Structures are given as structure tokens and as C-alpha cells.
Amino acid sequence: MSEPPYKLIVVGAGAGGLACALAAADADVSVLLLEKSARLGGTITQSLLHTIGGLYDDAGEYLNPGLPVELEQRLLRSCSRAGKRKMGRVWVLNVAPTAYEDVIESWVADKPAITVLRQATITRLEATAKRITRVEVTRDKSVIPLTVGAVVDATGAAEITRMLDEKKVLLGNALAGLIFQIRGVEKDALKFPKNVVTRRAVQAAVEQDALPDIFNGAWFDTGVWEDEAYIKLNLSPQTYTPRLAMTWQAAIADLLPQLPGFTGAHITRRGELGIRDGGRIRGEYNLTLADIKNNPPVSESAGRCAWPIEYWHPQTGVTLDYLPAGHTYTIPLPALRVAGMDNLWAVGKCLSAEPLAQASARVAGACWAMGEAVGRVLSQRSNMS
């Protein structure tokens, strides 16, 4: 068999996929990074996440060395408004999604070992019992056949694994998030107790049919800039359409001038629907809720996590189960390898995990750690298994 032109194919340029590609490229492994959209960054850039969780423990200290730390340092240097922030009992990095996008675009561009194909994905694959041998990559109307060293499914929904065998995928069932960015907000408009007044006004508008029911329990947060805020709605992915999102945007835009501190506010962007659990692989190991609670020893680590179990139940909404003070747990590397396959891995939200375990481990900082772990492991193996 001829040598594959790229030893590693990473599908999806979100947190896990980016880290995997960067880690492998640092070891001089040739990487093909496929992204189905035109932009890198995944959920953070496309769904407008301005708080990056999973970089720190509950004391605000780094959880994982390596690329997660380098990411934070690059973001702090790039964006003067970026900074560590305590939200309740967790620490996050506050940063503009556009700054994140600029940083990761520049970072990837500086790696000659990474070839990026945008608006491209795998549309066909061939496999033996344990290995993917060939794939077809479709971009625009062009089809590119490639032999394969290893494939990393970083799609966030186990799309490549599903293409191989639907039985190798655990179905997801969690609410998704839709975020609107607002500018022109008065300073401290969402500072306590003003934030309570705002939430009550929105809730009253829902009860009076001035806003659609989707705004029931809408989440407001301050942004990176003084005049910036974000609104997040939570909904079933099956009920979402872009047309509905436009009507929701128009409805809240009409109400904004009536809210205290929002007289001159306007919506500047609407994010894409953020999928929290679009499906998970069946891995060599399945991360459980008991693993998160008890942190048993593991022989191969893909990083540590301390994020609460943030589960968005499709009927009852969010439950937030914080871990004990000072507690962290290890994500086992075998939870990232598709069961029965030698050269198919997954990183990020589609790791092998129970739903409640995934609700903690899916956080962005942990996805960066997972991606780096798989990229480094594969770069050390001559057959990319």
C-alpha cells in the first residue's frame, strides 16, 4: 500500500480537532484538517461562546499543561479585554469569540505540517474489520480519494464514526443553545440587582405573550466589552430552524429598548445552534458518572477535568451538579478510541461517555486536552494506531 499523503486526517476544527492537529504538527506529522464550514473554531466561534470553561480548576489554577495553557496565553496577549473570571463556583476565560477565531487561525497558519480544507468533509470511507483504509473527501463538487493513516472524528457529533457503523455511536439527547450578541448596553446594566430586574421583565413579557415561550428562562450575561451582553436560549435541536431563529431575534430586538439599561441596545450577531450532545462514540472505555465522582486511577490519561455536571435535560432543563471542592477527575485515553478500530479516534464532545459524564467532560478546555493527548499519542506510533 502506498504511503498516505497525510498521516493524520482530523475531521472538525473545533477545540478538540484543533488541538489534535496542532499537537501532531508539532511532532512533524502531516495533518489534513477538514472543516465543513468556512471558519475554524467550532462552537466557540460559530455559536458565540464568550466564556471558555475547563481551563482551570475550582481554585482558578491550570488543569492541564501544554496546549490549553498556550491557548490561554495567546488569547490574553491578543485581546486586551480577555481575562480570567469567576462565574459562581467555576473559573472561565472571558474572551471575544472573534479574538479566539483570530488566534486559532493565526496559530494553524503558522504550522506548515497542517493542510486545511474548508467547506470539506469525508463523504465515503472504506474499512477492513479494524482499520479505515481509504476515504473520499468532498469539497465543493470535487471528490478527493485518499489512503489513510489515522482518522480523528472531531465533528462533535460522531459523524465519521456513524458513517462507518451506526452501532458504534451512542445517541445524544440534550438541549442545544442559541446565543444572541448585543451591543449598546449601558455599563453595569446586568450587574446585581439590575440583572434580576431584566430577567423578571423578560419573563413577564413571555407571560404576557409579548415574547415567544422560547424566552422562558432566557439566560443573560455580560460580555467582554462594557457595552456588550449575550442572551442564550435553550431548546431541542429537533425544533430549531433558521427561520424560527429570525423571528425570535426580531421579537427580542423589539423588546430590548424597553428593558432598563438597554435603551440603545441592538443585536449585532446571532450564533449558530450550539449542539451539546449530538452523539458519542462507543469507545474502548466508556466514561461514567461514577468515574467522575470517584476518579479511579487510569493507565493512560487524556487530561483532567473539574467542570460541574451541566446536563441540559430535554424536558426539565438544566441541572448543575458541582464536584466537591478541590476535586478533579481523569479522562481515560481509551474513551477516545472507537471500539474495535485501530486507527479511528474521537476527541471533544463525542467522546465515549454516559450522558451525565459527557455533560461535564464536553467543556472546551477538556476538549483541548483530549485533542492534544490523541495528537501526541498518534505522532508516536508509526502505524498511527
Protein backbone atom coordinates (compact mmCIF):
# COMPACT_ATOMS: atom_id res chain seq x y z
CA MET A 1 0.00 0.00 0.00
CA SER A 2 1.33 3.45 -0.88
CA GLU A 3 2.22 5.90 1.86
CA PRO A 4 -0.80 8.11 2.64
CA PRO A 5 -0.29 11.76 1.63
CA TYR A 6 -1.41 12.79 5.12
CA LYS A 7 -0.59 10.55 8.04
CA LEU A 8 -3.46 12.01 10.04
CA ILE A 9 -6.87 13.25 8.92
CA VAL A 10 -8.74 15.32 11.51
CA VAL A 11 -12.39 15.99 10.74
CA GLY A 12 -13.70 19.07 12.52
CA ALA A 13 -11.84 22.23 13.54
CA GLY A 14 -13.40 22.85 16.93
CA ALA A 15 -11.46 22.72 20.19
CA GLY A 16 -10.60 19.01 20.10
CA GLY A 17 -9.78 18.90 16.41
CA LEU A 18 -7.60 22.00 16.53
CA ALA A 19 -5.61 20.69 19.49
CA CYS A 20 -5.16 17.29 17.85
CA ALA A 21 -3.90 18.83 14.61
CA LEU A 22 -1.56 21.25 16.41
CA ALA A 23 -0.10 18.54 18.65
CA ALA A 24 0.57 16.22 15.72
CA ALA A 25 2.02 19.04 13.63
CA ASP A 26 4.41 19.91 16.46
CA ALA A 27 5.79 16.37 16.05
CA ASP A 28 6.17 16.91 12.26
CA VAL A 29 3.23 14.67 11.40
CA SER A 30 1.48 15.68 8.17
CA VAL A 31 -2.12 16.59 9.00
CA LEU A 32 -5.16 17.20 6.84
CA LEU A 33 -7.66 19.27 8.83
CA LEU A 34 -11.16 19.20 7.37
CA GLU A 35 -13.80 21.75 8.38
CA LYS A 36 -17.30 21.62 6.91
CA SER A 37 -17.85 25.37 7.40
CA ALA A 38 -15.76 28.26 6.12
CA ARG A 39 -14.37 29.13 9.56
CA LEU A 40 -12.21 27.41 12.14
CA GLY A 41 -13.10 27.35 15.83
CA GLY A 42 -16.21 25.20 16.11
CA THR A 43 -18.79 26.04 18.75
CA ILE A 44 -16.78 28.88 20.31
CA THR A 45 -16.57 30.95 17.15
CA GLN A 46 -19.73 29.87 15.38
CA SER A 47 -22.12 29.70 18.34
CA LEU A 48 -20.66 32.82 20.04
CA LEU A 49 -19.31 31.37 23.28
CA HIS A 50 -17.51 34.15 25.14
CA THR A 51 -16.63 32.12 28.25
CA ILE A 52 -14.18 29.23 27.85
CA GLY A 53 -14.61 26.70 30.63
CA GLY A 54 -12.43 23.77 31.56
CA LEU A 55 -9.06 25.54 31.54
CA TYR A 56 -8.99 25.96 35.33
CA ASP A 57 -9.85 24.04 38.47
CA ASP A 58 -12.13 25.47 41.16
CA ALA A 59 -9.23 27.47 42.60
CA GLY A 60 -8.53 29.12 39.25
CA GLU A 61 -5.35 27.12 38.63
CA TYR A 62 -4.47 25.42 35.35
CA LEU A 63 -5.90 21.93 34.96
CA ASN A 64 -3.83 20.70 32.03
CA PRO A 65 -0.37 21.74 30.85
CA GLY A 66 0.54 22.13 27.20
CA LEU A 67 -1.80 23.48 24.56
CA PRO A 68 -4.63 24.56 26.92
CA VAL A 69 -2.17 26.84 28.73
CA GLU A 70 -0.68 28.07 25.46
CA LEU A 71 -4.18 28.83 24.19
CA GLU A 72 -4.94 30.94 27.25
CA GLN A 73 -1.65 32.83 26.95
CA ARG A 74 -2.17 33.53 23.25
CA LEU A 75 -5.69 34.81 23.91
CA LEU A 76 -4.55 37.07 26.75
CA ARG A 77 -1.83 38.56 24.54
CA SER A 78 -4.20 39.01 21.62
CA CYS A 79 -7.22 40.54 23.35
CA SER A 80 -6.79 43.29 25.94
CA ARG A 81 -10.28 42.61 27.27
CA ALA A 82 -9.71 38.87 27.78
CA GLY A 83 -9.29 37.69 31.35
CA LYS A 84 -9.96 35.03 33.92
CA ARG A 85 -13.39 35.36 35.52
CA LYS A 86 -15.19 33.58 38.32
CA MET A 87 -18.75 32.55 37.46
CA GLY A 88 -20.42 31.19 40.56
CA ARG A 89 -18.14 28.37 41.69
CA VAL A 90 -16.20 27.90 38.44
CA TRP A 91 -13.46 29.84 36.70
CA VAL A 92 -13.64 30.65 32.98
CA LEU A 93 -11.68 32.68 30.48
CA ASN A 94 -13.71 35.63 29.22
CA VAL A 95 -12.76 36.34 25.60
CA ALA A 96 -14.42 37.66 22.46
CA PRO A 97 -15.29 34.86 20.01
CA THR A 98 -13.72 36.95 17.23
CA ALA A 99 -10.44 37.15 19.19
CA TYR A 100 -10.49 33.37 19.65
CA GLU A 101 -11.04 32.91 15.92
CA ASP A 102 -8.17 35.26 15.04
CA VAL A 103 -5.80 33.46 17.41
CA ILE A 104 -6.53 29.95 16.21
CA GLU A 105 -6.47 31.00 12.54
CA SER A 106 -3.01 32.50 13.00
CA TRP A 107 -1.81 29.55 15.07
CA VAL A 108 -2.83 26.97 12.47
CA ALA A 109 -1.46 29.07 9.60
CA ASP A 110 1.96 29.02 11.29
CA LYS A 111 2.10 25.20 11.09
CA PRO A 112 3.35 24.04 7.67
CA ALA A 113 2.53 20.43 8.56
CA ILE A 114 -1.21 21.27 8.65
CA THR A 115 -3.20 21.50 5.43
CA VAL A 116 -6.66 22.98 5.96
CA LEU A 117 -9.60 22.25 3.68
CA ARG A 118 -12.66 24.35 4.47
CA GLN A 119 -16.20 23.50 3.46
CA ALA A 120 -15.00 19.93 3.15
CA THR A 121 -15.64 16.64 4.88
CA ILE A 122 -15.37 12.88 4.43
CA THR A 123 -18.33 11.61 2.42
CA ARG A 124 -17.26 7.99 1.88
CA LEU A 125 -14.90 5.59 3.57
CA GLU A 126 -13.59 2.08 3.11
CA ALA A 127 -12.57 -0.12 6.01
CA THR A 128 -11.39 -3.59 6.90
CA ALA A 129 -12.50 -5.21 10.13
CA LYS A 130 -10.31 -2.93 12.25
CA ARG A 131 -8.93 -0.14 10.06
CA ILE A 132 -10.18 2.62 7.83
CA THR A 133 -8.12 2.22 4.66
CA ARG A 134 -9.43 4.87 2.25
CA VAL A 135 -11.69 7.89 2.37
CA GLU A 136 -13.23 10.27 -0.11
CA VAL A 137 -13.14 13.95 0.81
CA THR A 138 -15.73 16.16 -0.86
CA ARG A 139 -15.14 19.87 -1.28
CA ASP A 140 -17.48 21.91 -3.44
CA LYS A 141 -18.11 19.45 -6.27
CA SER A 142 -14.65 17.89 -6.16
CA VAL A 143 -14.01 14.45 -4.70
CA ILE A 144 -10.52 13.68 -3.39
CA PRO A 145 -9.69 9.99 -2.75
CA LEU A 146 -7.07 9.42 -0.05
CA THR A 147 -5.40 6.48 1.60
CA VAL A 148 -5.45 6.74 5.37
CA GLY A 149 -3.01 6.58 8.25
CA ALA A 150 -5.41 7.53 11.03
CA VAL A 151 -8.69 9.43 11.27
CA VAL A 152 -9.82 11.55 14.21
CA ASP A 153 -13.54 12.26 14.47
CA ALA A 154 -13.73 15.76 15.92
CA THR A 155 -17.12 16.58 14.44
CA GLY A 156 -18.75 16.94 17.86
CA ALA A 157 -21.49 14.51 16.82
CA ALA A 158 -19.53 11.34 15.90
CA GLU A 159 -20.39 11.89 12.24
CA ILE A 160 -17.47 9.90 10.83
CA THR A 161 -17.95 7.05 13.27
CA ARG A 162 -21.66 6.99 12.40
CA MET A 163 -20.74 6.76 8.72
CA LEU A 164 -18.63 3.70 9.46
CA ASP A 165 -21.22 1.94 11.64
CA GLU A 166 -24.24 3.46 13.38
CA LYS A 167 -23.93 0.79 16.06
CA LYS A 168 -20.67 2.39 17.15
CA VAL A 169 -22.48 5.60 18.16
CA LEU A 170 -24.43 6.40 21.34
CA LEU A 171 -27.30 8.79 20.61
CA GLY A 172 -27.31 12.21 22.26
CA ASN A 173 -30.35 13.81 23.87
CA ALA A 174 -29.70 17.23 25.38
CA LEU A 175 -30.98 20.73 24.80
CA ALA A 176 -28.97 22.93 22.46
CA GLY A 177 -28.10 26.61 22.93
CA LEU A 178 -28.78 29.64 20.74
CA ILE A 179 -26.93 32.86 21.55
CA PHE A 180 -27.51 36.47 20.52
CA GLN A 181 -24.80 39.11 20.91
CA ILE A 182 -25.98 42.57 21.98
CA ARG A 183 -24.08 45.87 21.86
CA GLY A 184 -25.06 49.34 23.06
CA VAL A 185 -25.89 48.16 26.57
CA GLU A 186 -25.38 50.67 29.39
CA LYS A 187 -22.49 49.99 31.74
CA ASP A 188 -23.41 47.69 34.65
CA ALA A 189 -26.88 47.05 33.20
CA LEU A 190 -26.52 43.39 34.16
CA LYS A 191 -24.84 43.95 37.50
CA PHE A 192 -26.81 42.70 40.51
CA PRO A 193 -29.58 43.62 41.25
CA LYS A 194 -30.22 45.10 37.79
CA ASN A 195 -29.79 41.68 36.19
CA VAL A 196 -32.67 40.36 38.29
CA VAL A 197 -34.91 43.19 37.10
CA THR A 198 -34.01 42.39 33.49
CA ARG A 199 -34.75 38.68 33.85
CA ARG A 200 -38.09 39.43 35.50
CA ALA A 201 -39.03 41.87 32.73
CA VAL A 202 -38.28 39.26 30.07
CA GLN A 203 -40.22 36.62 31.98
CA ALA A 204 -43.18 39.00 32.30
CA ALA A 205 -43.06 39.62 28.54
CA VAL A 206 -43.28 35.86 27.96
CA GLU A 207 -46.27 35.54 30.30
CA GLN A 208 -47.99 38.44 28.52
CA ASP A 209 -47.32 36.87 25.09
CA ALA A 210 -45.06 39.77 24.13
CA LEU A 211 -42.23 37.26 23.69
CA PRO A 212 -42.36 33.66 22.43
CA ASP A 213 -42.26 30.89 25.04
CA ILE A 214 -38.70 30.05 23.97
CA PHE A 215 -37.57 33.04 26.09
CA ASN A 216 -38.88 31.40 29.24
CA GLY A 217 -35.76 31.15 31.40
CA ALA A 218 -33.56 33.02 28.91
CA TRP A 219 -30.03 33.46 30.24
CA PHE A 220 -28.35 36.90 30.21
CA ASP A 221 -24.64 37.52 30.71
CA THR A 222 -22.24 40.42 30.48
CA GLY A 223 -19.88 40.38 27.53
CA VAL A 224 -16.22 41.15 27.05
CA TRP A 225 -16.81 44.83 26.24
CA GLU A 226 -18.51 47.28 28.60
CA ASP A 227 -21.48 47.78 26.26
CA GLU A 228 -21.83 44.09 25.37
CA ALA A 229 -24.23 41.40 26.58
CA TYR A 230 -25.31 37.95 25.49
CA ILE A 231 -28.69 36.22 25.59
CA LYS A 232 -28.86 32.43 25.45
CA LEU A 233 -31.94 30.36 24.65
CA ASN A 234 -32.09 26.62 25.25
CA LEU A 235 -34.13 24.37 23.00
CA SER A 236 -34.44 20.96 21.43
CA PRO A 237 -32.28 20.71 18.29
CA GLN A 238 -35.18 18.98 16.53
CA THR A 239 -37.40 22.06 16.86
CA TYR A 240 -34.85 24.55 15.52
CA THR A 241 -34.95 26.20 12.12
CA PRO A 242 -33.10 29.33 10.94
CA ARG A 243 -36.45 30.91 10.08
CA LEU A 244 -37.65 30.46 13.67
CA ALA A 245 -34.39 31.93 14.94
CA MET A 246 -35.01 35.04 12.84
CA THR A 247 -38.46 35.51 14.39
CA TRP A 248 -37.02 35.09 17.90
CA GLN A 249 -34.32 37.63 17.11
CA ALA A 250 -36.88 40.14 15.86
CA ALA A 251 -39.03 39.63 18.96
CA ILE A 252 -36.25 40.27 21.48
CA ALA A 253 -34.91 43.17 19.38
CA ASP A 254 -38.30 44.88 19.72
CA LEU A 255 -38.29 44.38 23.49
CA LEU A 256 -34.71 45.47 24.21
CA PRO A 257 -35.37 49.26 24.27
CA GLN A 258 -37.99 48.67 26.99
CA LEU A 259 -35.52 46.97 29.33
CA PRO A 260 -33.66 49.11 31.90
CA GLY A 261 -30.16 49.80 30.66
CA PHE A 262 -30.93 48.55 27.15
CA THR A 263 -32.46 51.71 25.64
CA GLY A 264 -29.83 52.00 22.91
CA ALA A 265 -29.06 48.29 22.65
CA HIS A 266 -29.21 46.30 19.43
CA ILE A 267 -28.47 42.75 18.34
CA THR A 268 -25.26 42.54 16.34
CA ARG A 269 -24.93 38.79 15.73
CA ARG A 270 -26.81 35.54 16.11
CA GLY A 271 -24.79 32.40 16.66
CA GLU A 272 -25.36 29.06 15.05
CA LEU A 273 -27.18 26.48 17.12
CA GLY A 274 -24.75 25.04 19.66
CA ILE A 275 -25.20 21.27 19.97
CA ARG A 276 -24.27 20.00 23.41
CA ASP A 277 -24.62 16.27 22.68
CA GLY A 278 -25.04 15.23 19.06
CA GLY A 279 -23.93 11.66 19.69
CA ARG A 280 -20.94 9.91 21.26
CA ILE A 281 -18.73 7.07 20.11
CA ARG A 282 -18.72 3.62 21.67
CA GLY A 283 -15.14 3.57 22.82
CA GLU A 284 -12.69 1.08 24.23
CA TYR A 285 -13.75 2.59 27.55
CA ASN A 286 -16.94 4.44 28.48
CA LEU A 287 -16.55 7.30 30.96
CA THR A 288 -19.19 7.03 33.68
CA LEU A 289 -20.71 9.29 36.30
CA ALA A 290 -19.05 7.08 38.93
CA ASP A 291 -15.67 7.76 37.30
CA ILE A 292 -16.26 11.49 37.62
CA LYS A 293 -17.30 11.19 41.25
CA ASN A 294 -14.60 8.71 42.34
CA ASN A 295 -11.70 9.47 39.94
CA PRO A 296 -10.32 5.91 39.75
CA PRO A 297 -6.70 5.52 38.58
CA VAL A 298 -6.22 5.16 34.82
CA SER A 299 -3.17 3.92 32.95
CA GLU A 300 -3.49 6.37 30.02
CA SER A 301 -4.78 9.89 30.58
CA ALA A 302 -6.31 12.27 28.05
CA GLY A 303 -6.43 15.13 30.53
CA ARG A 304 -8.13 16.27 33.71
CA CYS A 305 -11.46 17.99 34.21
CA ALA A 306 -13.23 19.69 37.11
CA TRP A 307 -16.31 21.11 35.39
CA PRO A 308 -19.67 20.51 37.08
CA ILE A 309 -22.11 18.04 35.58
CA GLU A 310 -24.05 20.55 33.48
CA TYR A 311 -26.81 18.45 31.98
CA TRP A 312 -29.49 20.05 29.84
CA HIS A 313 -32.37 17.61 30.08
CA PRO A 314 -34.70 17.82 27.06
CA GLN A 315 -37.82 18.06 29.25
CA THR A 316 -36.79 19.53 32.60
CA GLY A 317 -33.94 21.84 31.60
CA VAL A 318 -30.58 22.27 33.25
CA THR A 319 -29.25 20.60 36.37
CA LEU A 320 -25.87 21.69 37.69
CA ASP A 321 -24.10 19.22 39.96
CA TYR A 322 -20.85 20.70 41.26
CA LEU A 323 -17.95 18.42 42.10
CA PRO A 324 -16.56 18.54 45.67
CA ALA A 325 -14.11 21.34 46.43
CA GLY A 326 -10.68 20.56 45.03
CA HIS A 327 -11.92 17.51 43.13
CA THR A 328 -10.76 16.69 39.60
CA TYR A 329 -11.04 13.55 37.51
CA THR A 330 -9.10 11.99 34.65
CA ILE A 331 -10.49 11.38 31.18
CA PRO A 332 -9.15 7.95 30.11
CA LEU A 333 -7.46 7.85 26.72
CA PRO A 334 -9.32 4.62 25.73
CA ALA A 335 -12.58 6.62 25.90
CA LEU A 336 -11.33 8.39 22.76
CA ARG A 337 -10.64 5.31 20.65
CA VAL A 338 -13.57 3.78 18.76
CA ALA A 339 -14.17 0.24 19.98
CA GLY A 340 -12.82 -2.41 17.62
CA MET A 341 -10.94 0.08 15.42
CA ASP A 342 -7.17 0.50 15.29
CA ASN A 343 -7.00 3.87 13.54
CA LEU A 344 -10.25 5.70 14.31
CA TRP A 345 -10.32 8.03 17.30
CA ALA A 346 -12.68 10.74 18.54
CA VAL A 347 -11.98 13.88 20.56
CA GLY A 348 -14.16 16.52 22.16
CA LYS A 349 -17.89 16.32 22.76
CA CYS A 350 -18.27 12.94 21.05
CA LEU A 351 -16.00 11.01 23.44
CA SER A 352 -17.30 7.71 24.77
CA ALA A 353 -19.24 8.61 27.91
CA GLU A 354 -22.53 8.29 29.72
CA PRO A 355 -24.79 11.32 29.14
CA LEU A 356 -24.14 12.79 32.60
CA ALA A 357 -20.40 12.19 32.27
CA GLN A 358 -20.36 13.84 28.85
CA ALA A 359 -22.21 16.79 30.37
CA SER A 360 -19.05 17.57 32.34
CA ALA A 361 -16.26 16.37 30.04
CA ARG A 362 -17.56 18.20 26.94
CA VAL A 363 -16.33 21.58 28.21
CA ALA A 364 -13.93 23.38 25.82
CA GLY A 365 -10.79 23.26 27.97
CA ALA A 366 -11.14 19.50 28.38
CA CYS A 367 -11.67 19.16 24.62
CA TRP A 368 -8.35 20.93 24.05
CA ALA A 369 -6.67 18.50 26.45
CA MET A 370 -8.27 15.48 24.75
CA GLY A 371 -7.20 16.65 21.31
CA GLU A 372 -3.63 17.23 22.39
CA ALA A 373 -3.45 13.80 24.04
CA VAL A 374 -4.60 11.96 20.91
CA GLY A 375 -2.40 14.04 18.62
CA ARG A 376 0.68 13.27 20.71
CA VAL A 377 -0.13 9.56 21.06
CA LEU A 378 -0.66 9.12 17.33
CA SER A 379 2.50 11.02 16.46
CA GLN A 380 4.49 8.48 18.49
CA ARG A 381 3.06 5.46 16.68
CA SER A 382 4.49 4.58 13.29
CA ASN A 383 1.26 2.96 12.03
CA MET A 384 -0.94 5.72 13.52
CA SER A 385 -2.95 3.17 15.52
